[in-house]
Amino acid sequence: MRPEGRGRPITAALVVIGEEILTGKFADENGPFAIRRLREVGCDLRRLTVVPDDVPVIAAEVLACAASFDVVLTSGGVGPTHDDVTFAGIAAAFDTPLAPHPELLALVRQFGLPENDASRQMATVPLGAVLHRGPGEDVPVVQIRNVFVFPGVPRLFQRKLEIVLPLLAGERVASARLRSRRTELDIAAALGEVAGRFPLVAIGSYPRYEAEEHVLVTLDSRDLPSLAAAFAALVAALAPVEVVHAPPA
């Protein structure tokens, strides 16, 4: 799972699974949480998609993401009902049979759940799955190849994500922020010129229309000297500007 070559961060995709998100019954809370926590530990989230509870659609999305990124995280579709088909979709993605996992079946008995089709469904995962447990957590995170499977309930997703984050940690991204009262059109050339000079720095510009119209300029990089130099270049090129957040010393 750790990418070859020192210094390259782990890349990730998050696949949110659930008709309730696509139909607007509930707003997705897991995507925003994952974005923040993955960034905090130095993992690069490169794709976030929402797909329905449909086995072929899940399979296609998981397979594409697994081939394109170091890890895939899924959210939702792991309960006992007819529309919980995430494990079936992942099994189809990798052409792997589903089978009851002995440790998950033991949990069903440990929790005193009735042993029926619904409880067995929650214990049936693609063959060869690996289980990850965290301190004080009875229910593990299931991993199939480079795919980690999480529940969709936000409080459970958040707890379970913490189990896996140490496996995904890398060098954190440092950032800086500027605020310009000029229009985005006015500063576009300067932004492009500085971005061309500092390829290790990601520069973004975002018009804001709160109390006073302005453009928020963001700089992100793992290379601190490049970040400091690009920041100084933009301060000079866009003057006068307001420093919202200076790069770390």
Foldseek 3Di string as FASTA:
>chain_A
DADPDPPDAFEEEEEEEAPCCVVVVDPAPLVVVCVVLCLVQAYHYDYYYYYYLDQCVLLVVVLVRVVVGQAYEYEALLAQDPSSCNQVSVCVNVVFDKDFDVLQVVVCVVVVHDPDSSSSSNRIHGPPWDWFDDVPDSHTWIDDNRYTYFYHPVVRRNVRVVRCSVVRGDQHKWKWKKKALDDCVVCVVLVVVLCVVQVQKDWDWDWDDPPHTIIMIMIIGSDQVSRQVSVVSCVVSRPPMGTPGHTDD
